[in-house]
Amino acid sequence: MNDKYYLKFMKNDKMGGNKLKKEFIKKVITLIIIIGCIFLVLGLLSLFGIINMEAMPCVLLAAGLFNISNAYYVYGKNKKSAVFLILSGLFSIFVSIFITLF
């Protein structure tokens, strides 16, 4: 009899844990979107000369790392999108290094 109640409690506890996990993932996704928008705005401001152009390599490097980390998150759901994010991240990092050196 006690085992039955224990199993029911554990099942409910797991469901509550999944709910917390989903809420955490939603918050992380929101944070990723906000960071991406900040990188986009900084890149545009740097391109139009509002911000010093010397800030552009830092923005590109951060955006490249951001794309690669985002690809890691997306890989389980959509592999084509993840490959594109990895390639665009590597391209951003390459452009950042190229701008810095030349």
Protein backbone atom coordinates (compact mmCIF):
# COMPACT_ATOMS: atom_id res chain seq x y z
CA MET A 1 0.00 0.00 0.00
CA ASN A 2 2.75 2.48 0.88
CA ASP A 3 4.65 1.64 -2.30
CA LYS A 4 1.65 2.69 -4.36
CA TYR A 5 1.54 6.15 -2.76
CA TYR A 6 5.32 6.49 -3.05
CA LEU A 7 5.21 5.74 -6.78
CA LYS A 8 2.37 8.23 -7.25
CA PHE A 9 4.37 10.89 -5.39
CA MET A 10 7.48 10.21 -7.48
CA LYS A 11 5.47 10.44 -10.69
CA ASN A 12 4.06 13.81 -9.65
CA ASP A 13 7.51 15.00 -8.62
CA LYS A 14 8.91 14.10 -12.03
CA MET A 15 6.15 16.02 -13.75
CA GLY A 16 6.90 19.06 -11.61
CA GLY A 17 10.58 18.74 -12.47
CA ASN A 18 9.77 18.68 -16.18
CA LYS A 19 7.69 21.82 -15.79
CA LEU A 20 10.60 23.62 -14.13
CA LYS A 21 12.93 22.40 -16.86
CA LYS A 22 10.61 23.73 -19.59
CA GLU A 23 10.36 27.11 -17.85
CA PHE A 24 14.16 27.27 -17.56
CA ILE A 25 14.57 26.44 -21.26
CA LYS A 26 12.07 29.18 -22.18
CA LYS A 27 14.07 31.69 -20.15
CA VAL A 28 17.32 30.58 -21.79
CA ILE A 29 15.76 30.92 -25.26
CA THR A 30 14.56 34.43 -24.38
CA LEU A 31 18.05 35.33 -23.19
CA ILE A 32 19.56 33.95 -26.42
CA ILE A 33 17.19 36.07 -28.51
CA ILE A 34 18.03 39.21 -26.52
CA ILE A 35 21.79 38.61 -26.85
CA GLY A 36 21.40 38.01 -30.59
CA CYS A 37 19.52 41.29 -30.99
CA ILE A 38 22.22 43.14 -29.07
CA PHE A 39 24.91 41.70 -31.38
CA LEU A 40 22.86 42.68 -34.42
CA VAL A 41 22.39 46.26 -33.21
CA LEU A 42 26.08 46.61 -32.30
CA GLY A 43 27.11 45.28 -35.71
CA LEU A 44 24.82 47.70 -37.54
CA LEU A 45 25.96 50.65 -35.44
CA SER A 46 29.57 49.74 -36.16
CA LEU A 47 28.93 49.38 -39.90
CA PHE A 48 27.25 52.78 -40.14
CA GLY A 49 30.07 54.46 -38.24
CA ILE A 50 28.05 55.42 -35.18
CA ILE A 51 30.34 53.25 -33.06
CA ASN A 52 34.07 53.16 -33.67
CA MET A 53 34.92 50.58 -36.36
CA GLU A 54 37.52 49.06 -34.03
CA ALA A 55 34.64 47.51 -32.08
CA MET A 56 33.53 45.48 -35.11
CA PRO A 57 35.99 42.55 -34.67
CA CYS A 58 34.86 42.08 -31.07
CA VAL A 59 31.21 42.08 -32.12
CA LEU A 60 31.89 39.61 -34.94
CA LEU A 61 33.88 37.32 -32.67
CA ALA A 62 31.14 37.34 -30.04
CA ALA A 63 28.47 36.77 -32.69
CA GLY A 64 30.43 33.84 -34.12
CA LEU A 65 30.78 32.21 -30.72
CA PHE A 66 27.10 32.89 -30.09
CA ASN A 67 26.13 31.18 -33.37
CA ILE A 68 28.23 28.13 -32.57
CA SER A 69 26.74 27.81 -29.08
CA ASN A 70 23.26 28.26 -30.52
CA ALA A 71 24.00 25.48 -33.04
CA TYR A 72 24.80 23.16 -30.16
CA TYR A 73 21.34 23.85 -28.72
CA VAL A 74 19.52 23.41 -32.07
CA TYR A 75 21.45 20.30 -33.22
CA GLY A 76 19.01 17.78 -31.72
CA LYS A 77 15.99 19.40 -33.36
CA ASN A 78 17.22 20.49 -36.78
CA LYS A 79 20.60 19.35 -38.05
CA LYS A 80 20.58 21.44 -41.23
CA SER A 81 19.97 24.60 -39.24
CA ALA A 82 22.71 23.64 -36.79
CA VAL A 83 25.23 23.10 -39.60
CA PHE A 84 24.32 26.50 -41.07
CA LEU A 85 24.77 28.16 -37.66
CA ILE A 86 28.17 26.51 -37.19
CA LEU A 87 29.33 27.60 -40.65
CA SER A 88 28.08 31.16 -40.17
CA GLY A 89 29.74 31.29 -36.75
CA LEU A 90 33.04 30.12 -38.18
CA PHE A 91 32.71 32.64 -41.01
CA SER A 92 32.08 35.46 -38.51
CA ILE A 93 35.12 34.44 -36.49
CA PHE A 94 37.24 34.26 -39.67
CA VAL A 95 36.09 37.74 -40.76
CA SER A 96 36.84 39.07 -37.27
CA ILE A 97 40.38 37.70 -37.39
CA PHE A 98 40.84 38.94 -40.97
CA ILE A 99 39.71 42.48 -40.05
CA THR A 100 42.01 42.51 -37.02
CA LEU A 101 45.10 41.37 -38.91
CA PHE A 102 44.66 43.42 -42.09
